[in-house]
């Protein structure tokens, strides 16, 4: 019996949620499964992943084959690296302490990369945000008047009329009266 670690779809249309399950390769996508390992929600930014890493590691060591998407998820959580290092420990190539140190170094490096990426995206957001609105002086307010005309304007005030645009109410054309003969 071939065992796969794959995604099982649930949720609704255009808002899919997935369960990470261990299932027989012949079973349908949303059908029977052996064990549920976690959840995957691709609708959030970043995607939300809940995973039982120890159970996933046990299934990988038993020979379960992950699908491409699940392989990416397991790789991002370090489960595939744990499996690789544990195989080295089992064969006697490295000790358990060295394997733990390598895994810890990988996790710290990953955290640094994520922190750096978060700082870059924050800087990009600030750089691409629109500038704050500034006071704009229209050309009509900056009207330049020669000095001779300035005296006239200051001595004789001209009343300004302000026209407010409003709804235009046009009367409908009269209907011709019907002759009821």
N, C-alpha and C. Protein backbone atom coordinates (compact mmCIF):
# COMPACT_ATOMS: atom_id res chain seq x y z
N UNK A 1 0.85 -1.18 0.00
CA UNK A 1 0.00 0.00 0.00
C UNK A 1 0.89 1.24 0.00
N UNK A 2 0.71 2.13 -0.99
CA UNK A 2 1.47 3.37 -1.07
C UNK A 2 0.77 4.44 -0.23
N UNK A 3 1.54 5.08 0.61
CA UNK A 3 0.99 6.10 1.50
C UNK A 3 1.52 7.46 1.07
N UNK A 4 0.62 8.42 1.00
CA UNK A 4 0.96 9.79 0.60
C UNK A 4 0.64 10.76 1.72
N UNK A 5 1.46 11.80 1.82
CA UNK A 5 1.12 12.94 2.67
C UNK A 5 0.67 14.02 1.71
N UNK A 6 -0.59 14.39 1.80
CA UNK A 6 -1.16 15.30 0.81
C UNK A 6 -2.17 16.23 1.44
N UNK A 7 -2.73 17.12 0.60
CA UNK A 7 -3.73 18.08 1.06
C UNK A 7 -5.12 17.52 0.80
N UNK A 8 -6.01 17.76 1.74
CA UNK A 8 -7.41 17.41 1.60
C UNK A 8 -8.20 18.71 1.68
N UNK A 9 -9.00 18.97 0.66
CA UNK A 9 -9.68 20.26 0.56
C UNK A 9 -10.93 20.30 1.42
N UNK A 10 -11.13 21.44 2.05
CA UNK A 10 -12.37 21.73 2.77
C UNK A 10 -12.61 23.22 2.66
N UNK A 11 -13.66 23.70 3.23
CA UNK A 11 -13.98 25.12 3.10
C UNK A 11 -15.04 25.32 2.04
N UNK A 12 -15.11 26.53 1.53
CA UNK A 12 -16.13 26.82 0.53
C UNK A 12 -15.50 27.34 -0.74
N UNK A 13 -16.35 27.63 -1.70
CA UNK A 13 -15.88 28.12 -2.99
C UNK A 13 -15.16 29.46 -2.81
N UNK A 14 -14.01 29.60 -3.43
CA UNK A 14 -13.16 30.78 -3.40
C UNK A 14 -12.60 31.09 -2.00
N UNK A 15 -12.75 30.18 -1.06
CA UNK A 15 -12.16 30.32 0.26
C UNK A 15 -11.76 28.93 0.74
N UNK A 16 -10.86 28.31 -0.01
CA UNK A 16 -10.46 26.95 0.28
C UNK A 16 -9.54 26.88 1.48
N UNK A 17 -9.74 25.88 2.28
CA UNK A 17 -8.87 25.54 3.38
C UNK A 17 -8.45 24.09 3.15
N UNK A 18 -7.29 23.74 3.61
CA UNK A 18 -6.79 22.40 3.37
C UNK A 18 -6.33 21.77 4.67
N UNK A 19 -6.54 20.45 4.78
CA UNK A 19 -5.98 19.66 5.85
C UNK A 19 -4.79 18.92 5.28
N UNK A 20 -3.72 18.82 6.04
CA UNK A 20 -2.57 18.02 5.65
C UNK A 20 -2.79 16.64 6.25
N UNK A 21 -2.97 15.64 5.39
CA UNK A 21 -3.34 14.31 5.85
C UNK A 21 -2.39 13.25 5.31
N UNK A 22 -2.36 12.13 5.99
CA UNK A 22 -1.68 10.93 5.51
C UNK A 22 -2.78 10.01 5.01
N UNK A 23 -2.71 9.62 3.73
CA UNK A 23 -3.78 8.82 3.16
C UNK A 23 -3.21 7.79 2.19
N UNK A 24 -4.00 6.79 1.92
CA UNK A 24 -3.66 5.80 0.90
C UNK A 24 -3.68 6.52 -0.45
N UNK A 25 -2.73 6.21 -1.31
CA UNK A 25 -2.63 6.89 -2.61
C UNK A 25 -3.86 6.64 -3.47
N UNK A 26 -4.55 5.53 -3.24
CA UNK A 26 -5.72 5.20 -4.06
C UNK A 26 -7.00 5.86 -3.57
N UNK A 27 -6.98 6.44 -2.37
CA UNK A 27 -8.17 7.08 -1.80
C UNK A 27 -8.43 8.41 -2.51
N UNK A 28 -9.69 8.82 -2.61
CA UNK A 28 -9.98 10.12 -3.23
C UNK A 28 -9.43 11.28 -2.41
N UNK A 29 -9.32 12.44 -3.05
CA UNK A 29 -8.70 13.61 -2.43
C UNK A 29 -9.34 13.97 -1.10
N UNK A 30 -10.66 14.02 -1.08
CA UNK A 30 -11.36 14.42 0.14
C UNK A 30 -11.95 13.20 0.87
N UNK A 31 -11.44 12.03 0.53
CA UNK A 31 -11.99 10.81 1.12
C UNK A 31 -11.28 10.38 2.38
N UNK A 32 -11.18 9.06 2.52
CA UNK A 32 -10.61 8.47 3.72
C UNK A 32 -9.15 8.83 3.90
N UNK A 33 -8.75 9.04 5.13
CA UNK A 33 -7.34 9.27 5.42
C UNK A 33 -6.97 8.53 6.69
N UNK A 34 -5.66 8.36 6.87
CA UNK A 34 -5.15 7.61 8.01
C UNK A 34 -4.99 8.52 9.22
N UNK A 35 -4.35 9.67 9.01
CA UNK A 35 -4.10 10.60 10.12
C UNK A 35 -4.06 12.03 9.59
N UNK A 36 -4.56 12.94 10.41
CA UNK A 36 -4.51 14.36 10.07
C UNK A 36 -3.28 14.95 10.75
N UNK A 37 -2.40 15.60 9.93
CA UNK A 37 -1.16 16.16 10.45
C UNK A 37 -1.23 17.66 10.71
N UNK A 38 -2.19 18.35 10.11
CA UNK A 38 -2.26 19.79 10.33
C UNK A 38 -3.21 20.48 9.37
N UNK A 39 -3.12 21.80 9.32
CA UNK A 39 -3.96 22.64 8.47
C UNK A 39 -3.09 23.56 7.62
N UNK A 40 -3.65 23.97 6.47
CA UNK A 40 -2.98 24.91 5.58
C UNK A 40 -4.03 25.87 5.06
N UNK A 41 -3.81 27.18 5.30
CA UNK A 41 -4.73 28.21 4.83
C UNK A 41 -3.98 29.16 3.91
N UNK A 42 -4.12 29.01 2.59
CA UNK A 42 -3.40 29.87 1.65
C UNK A 42 -4.03 31.24 1.46
N UNK A 43 -5.18 31.51 2.09
CA UNK A 43 -5.89 32.76 1.89
C UNK A 43 -5.34 33.92 2.71
N UNK A 44 -4.49 33.64 3.68
CA UNK A 44 -3.94 34.70 4.51
C UNK A 44 -2.56 35.08 3.99
N UNK A 45 -2.09 36.27 4.38
CA UNK A 45 -0.75 36.72 4.00
C UNK A 45 0.07 36.88 5.24
N UNK A 46 1.08 36.13 5.49
CA UNK A 46 1.52 34.93 4.80
C UNK A 46 0.57 33.76 5.11
N UNK A 47 0.70 32.70 4.35
CA UNK A 47 -0.18 31.54 4.53
C UNK A 47 -0.03 30.97 5.94
N UNK A 48 -1.15 30.57 6.52
CA UNK A 48 -1.15 30.01 7.86
C UNK A 48 -0.99 28.51 7.79
N UNK A 49 0.00 27.98 8.50
CA UNK A 49 0.26 26.55 8.49
C UNK A 49 0.39 26.06 9.92
N UNK A 50 -0.43 25.10 10.30
CA UNK A 50 -0.32 24.42 11.58
C UNK A 50 0.07 22.98 11.27
N UNK A 51 1.13 22.48 11.90
CA UNK A 51 1.66 21.17 11.53
C UNK A 51 2.16 20.43 12.76
N UNK A 52 1.82 19.14 12.85
CA UNK A 52 2.40 18.26 13.86
C UNK A 52 3.70 17.72 13.28
N UNK A 53 4.80 18.40 13.60
CA UNK A 53 6.07 18.09 12.97
C UNK A 53 6.58 16.69 13.32
N UNK A 54 6.40 16.26 14.56
CA UNK A 54 6.89 14.94 14.97
C UNK A 54 6.15 13.82 14.25
N UNK A 55 4.83 13.96 14.12
CA UNK A 55 4.06 12.94 13.40
C UNK A 55 4.45 12.91 11.93
N UNK A 56 4.65 14.09 11.35
CA UNK A 56 5.05 14.15 9.94
C UNK A 56 6.41 13.48 9.76
N UNK A 57 7.34 13.74 10.68
CA UNK A 57 8.66 13.12 10.61
C UNK A 57 8.56 11.60 10.71
N UNK A 58 7.72 11.09 11.61
CA UNK A 58 7.54 9.64 11.74
C UNK A 58 7.00 9.03 10.45
N UNK A 59 6.03 9.68 9.82
CA UNK A 59 5.47 9.15 8.58
C UNK A 59 6.49 9.19 7.45
N UNK A 60 7.29 10.25 7.40
CA UNK A 60 8.33 10.31 6.37
C UNK A 60 9.36 9.19 6.56
N UNK A 61 9.70 8.92 7.80
CA UNK A 61 10.68 7.86 8.08
C UNK A 61 10.11 6.49 7.78
N UNK A 62 8.78 6.34 7.83
CA UNK A 62 8.15 5.06 7.49
C UNK A 62 8.02 4.88 5.98
N UNK A 63 8.25 5.96 5.22
CA UNK A 63 8.21 5.83 3.76
C UNK A 63 7.08 6.55 3.07
N UNK A 64 6.32 7.36 3.77
CA UNK A 64 5.23 8.11 3.14
C UNK A 64 5.82 9.16 2.21
N UNK A 65 5.22 9.31 1.04
CA UNK A 65 5.72 10.24 0.03
C UNK A 65 4.87 11.51 0.03
N UNK A 66 5.46 12.68 0.27
CA UNK A 66 4.68 13.93 0.23
C UNK A 66 4.46 14.40 -1.21
N UNK A 67 3.34 15.06 -1.43
CA UNK A 67 3.10 15.69 -2.73
C UNK A 67 3.98 16.94 -2.82
N UNK A 68 4.01 17.57 -3.98
CA UNK A 68 4.89 18.72 -4.17
C UNK A 68 4.58 19.87 -3.22
N UNK A 69 3.31 20.19 -3.05
CA UNK A 69 2.94 21.29 -2.16
C UNK A 69 3.27 20.96 -0.71
N UNK A 70 2.98 19.74 -0.31
CA UNK A 70 3.27 19.33 1.06
C UNK A 70 4.77 19.26 1.28
N UNK A 71 5.52 18.86 0.26
CA UNK A 71 6.99 18.84 0.36
C UNK A 71 7.51 20.25 0.64
N UNK A 72 6.96 21.25 -0.03
CA UNK A 72 7.36 22.63 0.20
C UNK A 72 7.04 23.07 1.62
N UNK A 73 5.85 22.70 2.10
CA UNK A 73 5.45 23.05 3.47
C UNK A 73 6.38 22.39 4.48
N UNK A 74 6.64 21.11 4.30
CA UNK A 74 7.52 20.38 5.22
C UNK A 74 8.94 20.94 5.18
N UNK A 75 9.39 21.32 4.01
CA UNK A 75 10.72 21.90 3.88
C UNK A 75 10.81 23.24 4.59
N UNK A 76 9.77 24.05 4.48
CA UNK A 76 9.80 25.37 5.12
C UNK A 76 9.77 25.26 6.65
N UNK A 77 9.23 24.16 7.16
CA UNK A 77 9.20 23.96 8.62
C UNK A 77 10.40 23.16 9.12
N UNK A 78 11.25 22.71 8.24
CA UNK A 78 12.46 22.01 8.64
C UNK A 78 12.27 20.52 8.89
N UNK A 79 11.13 19.97 8.54
CA UNK A 79 10.87 18.55 8.78
C UNK A 79 11.75 17.69 7.86
N UNK A 80 11.91 18.10 6.60
CA UNK A 80 12.75 17.32 5.69
C UNK A 80 14.22 17.37 6.11
N UNK A 81 14.66 18.50 6.64
CA UNK A 81 16.04 18.60 7.14
C UNK A 81 16.23 17.70 8.36
N UNK A 82 15.23 17.66 9.25
CA UNK A 82 15.29 16.77 10.41
C UNK A 82 15.42 15.31 9.96
N UNK A 83 14.63 14.96 8.95
CA UNK A 83 14.67 13.57 8.44
C UNK A 83 16.06 13.26 7.88
N UNK A 84 16.58 14.20 7.11
CA UNK A 84 17.91 14.01 6.51
C UNK A 84 18.99 13.85 7.58
N UNK A 85 18.96 14.73 8.58
CA UNK A 85 19.94 14.66 9.66
C UNK A 85 19.77 13.39 10.49
N UNK A 86 18.54 12.97 10.72
CA UNK A 86 18.29 11.77 11.52
C UNK A 86 18.77 10.52 10.79
N UNK A 87 18.65 10.50 9.47
CA UNK A 87 19.20 9.37 8.70
C UNK A 87 20.71 9.31 8.85
N UNK A 88 21.37 10.47 8.87
CA UNK A 88 22.82 10.52 9.09
C UNK A 88 23.20 10.00 10.47
N UNK A 89 22.38 10.33 11.46
CA UNK A 89 22.64 9.84 12.82
C UNK A 89 22.46 8.32 12.87
N UNK A 90 21.39 7.82 12.22
CA UNK A 90 21.13 6.38 12.22
C UNK A 90 22.25 5.59 11.54
N UNK A 91 22.84 6.16 10.50
CA UNK A 91 23.92 5.48 9.77
C UNK A 91 25.27 5.65 10.46
N UNK A 92 25.35 6.55 11.44
CA UNK A 92 26.58 6.76 12.17
C UNK A 92 27.49 7.79 11.53
N UNK A 93 27.01 8.54 10.56
CA UNK A 93 27.84 9.55 9.90
C UNK A 93 28.07 10.76 10.81
N UNK A 94 27.07 11.12 11.59
CA UNK A 94 27.19 12.25 12.53
C UNK A 94 26.57 11.84 13.85
N UNK A 95 26.84 12.62 14.87
CA UNK A 95 26.24 12.35 16.18
C UNK A 95 24.96 13.16 16.32
N UNK A 96 24.17 12.81 17.32
CA UNK A 96 22.91 13.51 17.56
C UNK A 96 23.15 14.97 17.93
N UNK A 97 24.23 15.26 18.66
CA UNK A 97 24.53 16.64 19.06
C UNK A 97 24.83 17.51 17.83
N UNK A 98 25.60 16.96 16.90
CA UNK A 98 25.94 17.71 15.68
C UNK A 98 24.67 17.96 14.86
N UNK A 99 23.82 16.95 14.77
CA UNK A 99 22.56 17.10 14.03
C UNK A 99 21.70 18.19 14.65
N UNK A 100 21.62 18.20 15.99
CA UNK A 100 20.83 19.23 16.67
C UNK A 100 21.42 20.62 16.45
N UNK A 101 22.76 20.73 16.44
CA UNK A 101 23.41 22.02 16.20
C UNK A 101 23.12 22.52 14.79
N UNK A 102 23.19 21.61 13.82
CA UNK A 102 22.91 22.01 12.43
C UNK A 102 21.47 22.46 12.27
N UNK A 103 20.55 21.76 12.90
CA UNK A 103 19.15 22.14 12.81
C UNK A 103 18.92 23.50 13.48
N UNK A 104 19.53 23.73 14.62
CA UNK A 104 19.41 25.01 15.33
C UNK A 104 19.99 26.15 14.50
N UNK A 105 21.14 25.91 13.87
CA UNK A 105 21.76 26.94 13.02
C UNK A 105 20.85 27.27 11.84
N UNK A 106 20.23 26.25 11.25
CA UNK A 106 19.32 26.48 10.13
C UNK A 106 18.11 27.31 10.57
N UNK A 107 17.56 27.00 11.75
CA UNK A 107 16.41 27.74 12.24
C UNK A 107 16.75 29.21 12.52
N UNK A 108 17.92 29.46 13.08
CA UNK A 108 18.33 30.84 13.34
C UNK A 108 18.54 31.60 12.03
N UNK A 109 19.15 30.94 11.05
CA UNK A 109 19.36 31.58 9.75
C UNK A 109 18.02 31.91 9.09
N UNK A 110 17.06 31.01 9.22
CA UNK A 110 15.73 31.23 8.64
C UNK A 110 15.06 32.43 9.31
N UNK A 111 15.17 32.53 10.64
CA UNK A 111 14.58 33.66 11.35
C UNK A 111 15.22 34.97 10.92
N UNK A 112 16.53 34.97 10.70
CA UNK A 112 17.22 36.18 10.25
C UNK A 112 16.75 36.58 8.85
N UNK A 113 16.59 35.59 7.97
CA UNK A 113 16.11 35.89 6.61
C UNK A 113 14.71 36.48 6.66
N UNK A 114 13.84 35.91 7.49
CA UNK A 114 12.47 36.42 7.59
C UNK A 114 12.45 37.83 8.17
N UNK A 115 13.29 38.10 9.17
CA UNK A 115 13.35 39.44 9.76
C UNK A 115 13.85 40.45 8.73
N UNK A 116 14.86 40.06 7.96
CA UNK A 116 15.39 40.94 6.92
C UNK A 116 14.33 41.21 5.86
N UNK A 117 13.60 40.17 5.48
CA UNK A 117 12.55 40.32 4.47
C UNK A 117 11.44 41.23 4.99
N UNK A 118 11.08 41.08 6.27
CA UNK A 118 10.05 41.95 6.85
C UNK A 118 10.50 43.41 6.86
N UNK A 119 11.76 43.65 7.17
CA UNK A 119 12.28 45.02 7.16
C UNK A 119 12.26 45.60 5.75
N UNK A 120 12.60 44.78 4.76
CA UNK A 120 12.60 45.26 3.37
C UNK A 120 11.19 45.58 2.92
N UNK A 121 10.23 44.72 3.24
CA UNK A 121 8.87 45.00 2.81
C UNK A 121 8.30 46.22 3.51
N UNK A 122 8.68 46.44 4.76
CA UNK A 122 8.23 47.64 5.47
C UNK A 122 8.81 48.89 4.82
N UNK A 123 10.08 48.83 4.42
CA UNK A 123 10.71 49.97 3.76
C UNK A 123 10.07 50.21 2.39
N UNK A 124 9.74 49.15 1.68
CA UNK A 124 9.10 49.29 0.38
C UNK A 124 7.72 49.91 0.52
N UNK A 125 7.00 49.52 1.56
CA UNK A 125 5.67 50.09 1.78
C UNK A 125 5.76 51.59 2.04
N UNK A 126 6.75 51.99 2.82
CA UNK A 126 6.93 53.42 3.10
C UNK A 126 7.33 54.17 1.84
N UNK A 127 8.17 53.55 1.01
CA UNK A 127 8.64 54.21 -0.21
C UNK A 127 7.53 54.34 -1.25
N UNK A 128 6.64 53.37 -1.31
CA UNK A 128 5.59 53.40 -2.32
C UNK A 128 4.32 54.08 -1.85
N UNK A 129 4.24 54.46 -0.57
CA UNK A 129 3.04 55.12 -0.09
C UNK A 129 2.96 56.51 -0.72
N UNK A 130 1.76 56.96 -1.02
CA UNK A 130 1.61 58.27 -1.66
C UNK A 130 2.04 59.37 -0.69
N UNK A 131 2.59 60.46 -1.22
CA UNK A 131 3.01 61.55 -0.34
C UNK A 131 1.80 62.19 0.32
N UNK A 132 2.05 62.80 1.46
CA UNK A 132 0.97 63.47 2.17
C UNK A 132 0.51 64.67 1.36
N UNK A 133 -0.78 64.94 1.35
CA UNK A 133 -1.26 66.07 0.57
C UNK A 133 -0.72 67.39 1.12
N UNK A 134 -0.26 68.23 0.22
CA UNK A 134 0.26 69.53 0.61
C UNK A 134 -0.73 70.59 0.15
N UNK A 135 -0.58 71.77 0.71
CA UNK A 135 -1.47 72.85 0.34
C UNK A 135 -1.14 73.27 -1.08
N UNK A 136 -2.15 73.27 -1.92
CA UNK A 136 -1.97 73.63 -3.32
C UNK A 136 -2.63 74.97 -3.55
N UNK A 137 -1.88 75.89 -4.09
CA UNK A 137 -2.41 77.21 -4.39
C UNK A 137 -2.72 77.24 -5.87
N UNK A 138 -3.97 77.56 -6.18
CA UNK A 138 -4.34 77.55 -7.59
C UNK A 138 -3.82 78.79 -8.28
N UNK A 139 -3.78 78.75 -9.57
CA UNK A 139 -3.24 79.84 -10.38
C UNK A 139 -4.12 81.08 -10.24
N UNK A 140 -5.41 80.92 -10.04
CA UNK A 140 -6.29 82.08 -9.94
C UNK A 140 -6.03 82.86 -8.67
N UNK A 141 -5.54 82.20 -7.61
CA UNK A 141 -5.24 82.91 -6.38
C UNK A 141 -3.93 83.68 -6.49
N UNK A 142 -3.06 83.30 -7.38
CA UNK A 142 -1.77 83.96 -7.53
C UNK A 142 -1.81 85.03 -8.62
N UNK A 143 -2.95 85.61 -8.83
CA UNK A 143 -3.11 86.60 -9.90
C UNK A 143 -2.18 87.78 -9.65
N UNK A 144 -1.42 88.11 -10.66
CA UNK A 144 -0.51 89.25 -10.53
C UNK A 144 -1.18 90.47 -11.14
N UNK A 145 -1.16 91.55 -10.40
CA UNK A 145 -1.80 92.78 -10.83
C UNK A 145 -0.73 93.86 -10.89
N UNK A 146 -0.67 94.61 -11.98
CA UNK A 146 0.30 95.70 -12.05
C UNK A 146 0.02 96.73 -10.94
N UNK A 147 1.07 97.45 -10.48
CA UNK A 147 0.90 98.40 -9.36
C UNK A 147 -0.15 99.47 -9.62
N UNK A 148 -0.31 99.93 -10.85
CA UNK A 148 -1.30 100.97 -11.12
C UNK A 148 -2.70 100.45 -10.89
N UNK A 149 -2.95 99.20 -11.23
CA UNK A 149 -4.29 98.65 -11.06
C UNK A 149 -4.52 98.25 -9.60
N UNK A 150 -3.46 98.01 -8.85
CA UNK A 150 -3.61 97.64 -7.45
C UNK A 150 -4.29 98.77 -6.69
N UNK A 151 -3.92 100.02 -7.00
CA UNK A 151 -4.53 101.14 -6.31
C UNK A 151 -6.03 101.19 -6.57
N UNK A 152 -6.41 100.91 -7.82
CA UNK A 152 -7.83 100.93 -8.15
C UNK A 152 -8.58 99.84 -7.40
N UNK A 153 -7.96 98.67 -7.29
CA UNK A 153 -8.65 97.56 -6.63
C UNK A 153 -8.78 97.82 -5.14
N UNK A 154 -7.81 98.45 -4.56
CA UNK A 154 -7.91 98.69 -3.12
C UNK A 154 -8.88 99.82 -2.81
N UNK A 155 -9.03 100.76 -3.72
CA UNK A 155 -9.92 101.88 -3.44
C UNK A 155 -11.36 101.57 -3.78
N UNK A 156 -11.59 100.82 -4.83
CA UNK A 156 -12.96 100.52 -5.22
C UNK A 156 -13.21 99.02 -5.10
N UNK A 157 -13.87 98.63 -4.06
CA UNK A 157 -14.14 97.19 -3.93
C UNK A 157 -15.20 96.76 -4.93
N UNK A 158 -14.97 95.65 -5.52
CA UNK A 158 -15.90 95.10 -6.51
C UNK A 158 -16.64 93.94 -5.84
N UNK A 159 -17.94 94.02 -5.81
CA UNK A 159 -18.67 92.92 -5.18
C UNK A 159 -18.54 91.66 -6.04
N UNK A 160 -18.30 90.57 -5.34
CA UNK A 160 -18.15 89.29 -6.06
C UNK A 160 -19.45 88.53 -5.93
N UNK A 161 -19.84 87.93 -7.00
CA UNK A 161 -21.04 87.10 -6.97
C UNK A 161 -20.59 85.65 -7.09
N UNK A 162 -21.12 84.89 -6.22
CA UNK A 162 -20.79 83.47 -6.22
C UNK A 162 -21.99 82.71 -6.73
N UNK A 163 -21.78 81.92 -7.73
CA UNK A 163 -22.85 81.12 -8.30
C UNK A 163 -22.68 79.70 -7.80
N UNK A 164 -23.67 79.21 -7.10
CA UNK A 164 -23.64 77.84 -6.58
C UNK A 164 -24.29 76.94 -7.62
N UNK A 165 -23.57 75.96 -8.08
CA UNK A 165 -24.21 75.03 -9.02
C UNK A 165 -25.23 74.19 -8.27
N UNK A 166 -26.35 74.05 -8.82
CA UNK A 166 -27.41 73.28 -8.17
C UNK A 166 -28.14 72.43 -9.18
N UNK A 167 -29.09 71.67 -8.72
CA UNK A 167 -29.83 70.83 -9.66
C UNK A 167 -30.70 71.71 -10.57
N UNK A 168 -30.65 71.42 -11.78
CA UNK A 168 -31.41 72.18 -12.75
C UNK A 168 -32.79 71.55 -12.86
N UNK A 169 -33.78 72.37 -12.63
CA UNK A 169 -35.13 71.86 -12.69
C UNK A 169 -35.79 72.45 -13.92
N UNK A 170 -35.82 71.68 -14.91
CA UNK A 170 -36.46 72.13 -16.14
C UNK A 170 -37.89 71.63 -16.14
N UNK A 171 -38.77 72.48 -16.58
CA UNK A 171 -40.16 72.05 -16.65
C UNK A 171 -40.34 71.23 -17.91
N UNK A 172 -41.05 70.17 -17.79
CA UNK A 172 -41.24 69.33 -18.97
C UNK A 172 -42.12 70.04 -19.99
N UNK A 173 -41.90 69.75 -21.24
CA UNK A 173 -42.73 70.40 -22.26
C UNK A 173 -44.18 69.94 -22.10
N UNK A 174 -45.09 70.86 -22.35
CA UNK A 174 -46.51 70.48 -22.16
C UNK A 174 -46.91 69.47 -23.22
N UNK A 175 -47.74 68.53 -22.80
CA UNK A 175 -48.25 67.53 -23.74
C UNK A 175 -49.43 68.12 -24.48
N UNK A 176 -49.51 67.82 -25.73
CA UNK A 176 -50.69 68.32 -26.46
C UNK A 176 -51.94 67.65 -25.89
N UNK A 177 -52.93 68.46 -25.74
CA UNK A 177 -54.16 67.93 -25.18
C UNK A 177 -54.86 67.07 -26.22
N UNK A 178 -55.33 65.98 -25.78
CA UNK A 178 -56.04 65.08 -26.68
C UNK A 178 -57.49 65.48 -26.79
N UNK A 179 -57.93 65.43 -27.97
CA UNK A 179 -59.34 65.71 -28.18
C UNK A 179 -60.12 64.42 -27.98
N UNK A 180 -61.01 64.42 -27.10
CA UNK A 180 -61.78 63.21 -26.87
C UNK A 180 -63.15 63.39 -27.53
N UNK A 181 -63.18 63.36 -28.82
CA UNK A 181 -64.43 63.49 -29.59
C UNK A 181 -64.99 62.18 -29.96
